[in-house]
Amino acid sequence: MNAGPPVRLPAAARRAGILEAAGVEFASNGLAGGRLDAIAERAGISHPRVVQMFGTKKKLFLEVVDLAFDRIEGAFERAEPTLIALGDAYRKLLRRERTIGLVMLQGFAAAADEDVREAVRRRHLGLMKTIARLTGADSSQVRTFFATGLIQTVSTALDLSGRRADTAWSAWILQLVDSPSTAEEEK
């Protein structure tokens, strides 16, 4: 039975499919271990086509990292502008899209590479500015928010949601951050 000619996807859809496949591959194997042929196979295209569209594996990795940060920033932009609500939006995003936290962790792990370090640093600092802009949080509150977010990222990656790094504990930390007077009283 002839299935007919292959369906030609629009460039944007093909690009999105490659980025999704690359997200899964890089989340599992990082920059060093990720394979373009595995990404191509998962996306249903040829390895040379991936190279043609993205250039190098590192360039593709950096696009995947950017996409993860874009997804996080988008979740923050849609949330109520409080640290608690942003933390909850982040936690929900991590649980719904597991690759986002893993890609972020892989970005940190690959930071020995100067290009990756600069790209991740730029996006990380940009996300910190977004938090401050959305919530009015001061630098101490933003740092605490990010420390708590890292705990959530690692807890989700390790499937520790029911352990000490649970959401109630994270919410407690965020409440301390939301209320500087409470944090001073705890000292």
Protein backbone atom coordinates (compact mmCIF):
# COMPACT_ATOMS: atom_id res chain seq x y z
CA MET A 1 0.00 0.00 0.00
CA ASN A 2 1.46 3.35 -1.00
CA ALA A 3 1.28 5.95 1.74
CA GLY A 4 1.92 8.73 -0.76
CA PRO A 5 4.62 11.34 -0.69
CA PRO A 6 6.00 12.41 2.68
CA VAL A 7 4.17 15.29 4.26
CA ARG A 8 6.22 18.47 4.11
CA LEU A 9 5.97 20.43 7.33
CA PRO A 10 6.21 24.22 7.40
CA ALA A 11 9.69 25.38 8.48
CA ALA A 12 8.40 26.70 11.83
CA ALA A 13 6.77 23.35 12.68
CA ARG A 14 9.88 21.41 11.63
CA ARG A 15 12.06 23.74 13.72
CA ALA A 16 9.75 23.33 16.75
CA GLY A 17 9.88 19.54 16.36
CA ILE A 18 13.67 19.56 16.31
CA LEU A 19 13.82 21.82 19.37
CA GLU A 20 11.41 19.54 21.23
CA ALA A 21 13.46 16.45 20.30
CA ALA A 22 16.66 18.26 21.24
CA GLY A 23 15.15 19.25 24.59
CA VAL A 24 14.50 15.61 25.42
CA GLU A 25 17.98 14.54 24.27
CA PHE A 26 19.86 17.33 26.05
CA ALA A 27 17.78 16.98 29.22
CA SER A 28 18.86 13.34 29.40
CA ASN A 29 22.43 13.56 28.13
CA GLY A 30 23.60 17.17 28.34
CA LEU A 31 25.68 19.03 25.81
CA ALA A 32 28.60 16.60 25.87
CA GLY A 33 26.49 13.44 25.67
CA GLY A 34 23.68 14.67 23.46
CA ARG A 35 23.76 13.27 19.92
CA LEU A 36 22.53 15.08 16.82
CA ASP A 37 21.68 11.77 15.14
CA ALA A 38 19.43 10.85 18.08
CA ILE A 39 17.75 14.26 17.87
CA ALA A 40 17.26 13.87 14.11
CA GLU A 41 15.78 10.40 14.54
CA ARG A 42 13.41 11.58 17.28
CA ALA A 43 12.35 14.55 15.11
CA GLY A 44 11.91 12.33 12.04
CA ILE A 45 14.41 14.17 9.84
CA SER A 46 17.95 13.63 8.66
CA HIS A 47 21.04 14.45 10.66
CA PRO A 48 22.35 16.75 7.87
CA ARG A 49 19.07 18.69 8.00
CA VAL A 50 19.54 19.34 11.72
CA VAL A 51 23.05 20.62 11.04
CA GLN A 52 21.78 22.72 8.14
CA MET A 53 19.14 24.35 10.36
CA PHE A 54 21.14 24.84 13.55
CA GLY A 55 24.83 24.66 12.62
CA THR A 56 26.53 23.03 15.55
CA LYS A 57 25.37 20.90 18.43
CA LYS A 58 26.34 23.69 20.81
CA LYS A 59 24.21 26.22 18.92
CA LEU A 60 21.25 23.85 19.11
CA PHE A 61 21.90 23.28 22.83
CA LEU A 62 21.95 27.04 23.43
CA GLU A 63 18.64 27.43 21.60
CA VAL A 64 17.14 24.70 23.78
CA VAL A 65 18.45 26.43 26.91
CA ASP A 66 17.00 29.74 25.69
CA LEU A 67 13.68 28.05 25.05
CA ALA A 68 13.65 26.66 28.62
CA PHE A 69 14.32 30.13 30.04
CA ASP A 70 11.63 31.57 27.74
CA ARG A 71 9.12 29.03 29.11
CA ILE A 72 10.03 29.94 32.70
CA GLU A 73 9.80 33.66 32.00
CA GLY A 74 6.44 33.15 30.28
CA ALA A 75 5.09 31.28 33.31
CA PHE A 76 6.23 34.15 35.53
CA GLU A 77 4.68 36.77 33.25
CA ARG A 78 1.30 34.97 33.39
CA ALA A 79 1.33 34.55 37.19
CA GLU A 80 0.11 36.95 39.83
CA PRO A 81 3.05 39.29 40.55
CA THR A 82 4.01 37.93 43.97
CA LEU A 83 6.96 35.73 44.85
CA ILE A 84 4.65 33.03 46.18
CA ALA A 85 2.59 32.96 42.95
CA LEU A 86 5.71 32.97 40.77
CA GLY A 87 7.18 30.13 42.83
CA ASP A 88 3.97 28.16 42.44
CA ALA A 89 3.93 28.82 38.69
CA TYR A 90 7.53 27.58 38.44
CA ARG A 91 6.81 24.44 40.46
CA LYS A 92 3.79 23.65 38.27
CA LEU A 93 5.82 24.24 35.10
CA LEU A 94 8.56 21.88 36.30
CA ARG A 95 6.06 19.16 37.08
CA ARG A 96 4.20 19.62 33.78
CA GLU A 97 7.31 19.88 31.60
CA ARG A 98 10.07 17.89 33.26
CA THR A 99 12.64 18.66 30.57
CA ILE A 100 12.69 22.37 31.45
CA GLY A 101 14.35 21.89 34.83
CA LEU A 102 16.66 19.22 33.48
CA VAL A 103 17.74 21.44 30.57
CA MET A 104 18.41 24.26 33.00
CA LEU A 105 20.54 21.98 35.16
CA GLN A 106 22.37 20.75 32.05
CA GLY A 107 23.02 24.38 31.11
CA PHE A 108 24.63 24.96 34.51
CA ALA A 109 26.60 21.71 34.15
CA ALA A 110 27.96 22.76 30.74
CA ALA A 111 29.04 26.18 32.00
CA ALA A 112 32.72 25.21 31.77
CA ASP A 113 32.27 26.07 28.09
CA GLU A 114 32.64 29.85 27.81
CA ASP A 115 29.84 30.30 25.26
CA VAL A 116 27.42 28.27 27.38
CA ARG A 117 28.49 30.07 30.57
CA GLU A 118 27.89 33.49 29.00
CA ALA A 119 24.52 32.50 27.54
CA VAL A 120 23.27 30.88 30.76
CA ARG A 121 24.60 33.79 32.85
CA ARG A 122 22.81 36.30 30.62
CA ARG A 123 19.52 34.42 30.82
CA HIS A 124 19.84 33.76 34.56
CA LEU A 125 20.51 37.44 35.33
CA GLY A 126 17.69 38.44 33.00
CA LEU A 127 15.31 36.15 34.85
CA MET A 128 16.41 37.71 38.15
CA LYS A 129 15.59 41.16 36.74
CA THR A 130 12.21 39.88 35.58
CA ILE A 131 11.42 38.64 39.10
CA ALA A 132 12.38 42.01 40.60
CA ARG A 133 10.37 43.89 37.95
CA LEU A 134 7.26 41.76 38.35
CA THR A 135 7.22 41.59 42.14
CA GLY A 136 9.14 44.62 43.35
CA ALA A 137 11.37 42.25 45.33
CA ASP A 138 14.71 43.54 46.55
CA SER A 139 18.02 41.80 45.75
CA SER A 140 17.93 39.69 48.92
CA GLN A 141 14.41 38.50 48.18
CA VAL A 142 15.34 37.67 44.57
CA ARG A 143 18.40 35.68 45.72
CA THR A 144 16.27 33.74 48.21
CA PHE A 145 13.65 33.14 45.54
CA PHE A 146 16.33 31.71 43.23
CA ALA A 147 17.82 29.57 45.99
CA THR A 148 14.38 28.14 46.65
CA GLY A 149 13.85 27.67 42.91
CA LEU A 150 17.06 25.69 42.67
CA ILE A 151 15.85 23.46 45.50
CA GLN A 152 12.59 22.96 43.61
CA THR A 153 14.46 22.25 40.36
CA VAL A 154 16.69 19.63 41.97
CA SER A 155 13.81 18.16 43.99
CA THR A 156 11.72 17.78 40.85
CA ALA A 157 14.63 16.33 38.85
CA LEU A 158 15.23 13.77 41.60
CA ASP A 159 11.50 13.22 42.20
CA LEU A 160 11.81 14.34 45.83
CA SER A 161 8.54 16.25 45.96
CA GLY A 162 7.35 14.44 49.09
CA ARG A 163 10.58 14.97 51.02
CA ARG A 164 12.03 17.94 52.93
CA ALA A 165 12.21 20.09 49.79
CA ASP A 166 8.45 19.92 49.40
CA THR A 167 6.30 22.83 48.32
CA ALA A 168 5.16 23.65 51.88
CA TRP A 169 8.78 24.10 52.92
CA SER A 170 9.49 26.18 49.81
CA ALA A 171 6.37 28.26 50.47
CA TRP A 172 7.61 28.88 54.02
CA ILE A 173 10.90 30.20 52.64
CA LEU A 174 9.07 32.36 50.12
CA GLN A 175 6.83 33.79 52.84
CA LEU A 176 9.96 34.82 54.71
CA VAL A 177 11.16 36.50 51.53
CA ASP A 178 7.83 38.24 50.93
CA SER A 179 7.91 39.71 54.40
CA PRO A 180 11.29 41.30 55.25
CA SER A 181 10.07 42.10 58.78
CA THR A 182 9.33 38.40 59.38
CA ALA A 183 12.80 37.46 58.18
CA GLU A 184 14.30 40.00 60.60
CA GLU A 185 12.21 38.57 63.47
CA GLU A 186 13.55 35.08 62.76
CA LYS A 187 17.17 36.18 63.35
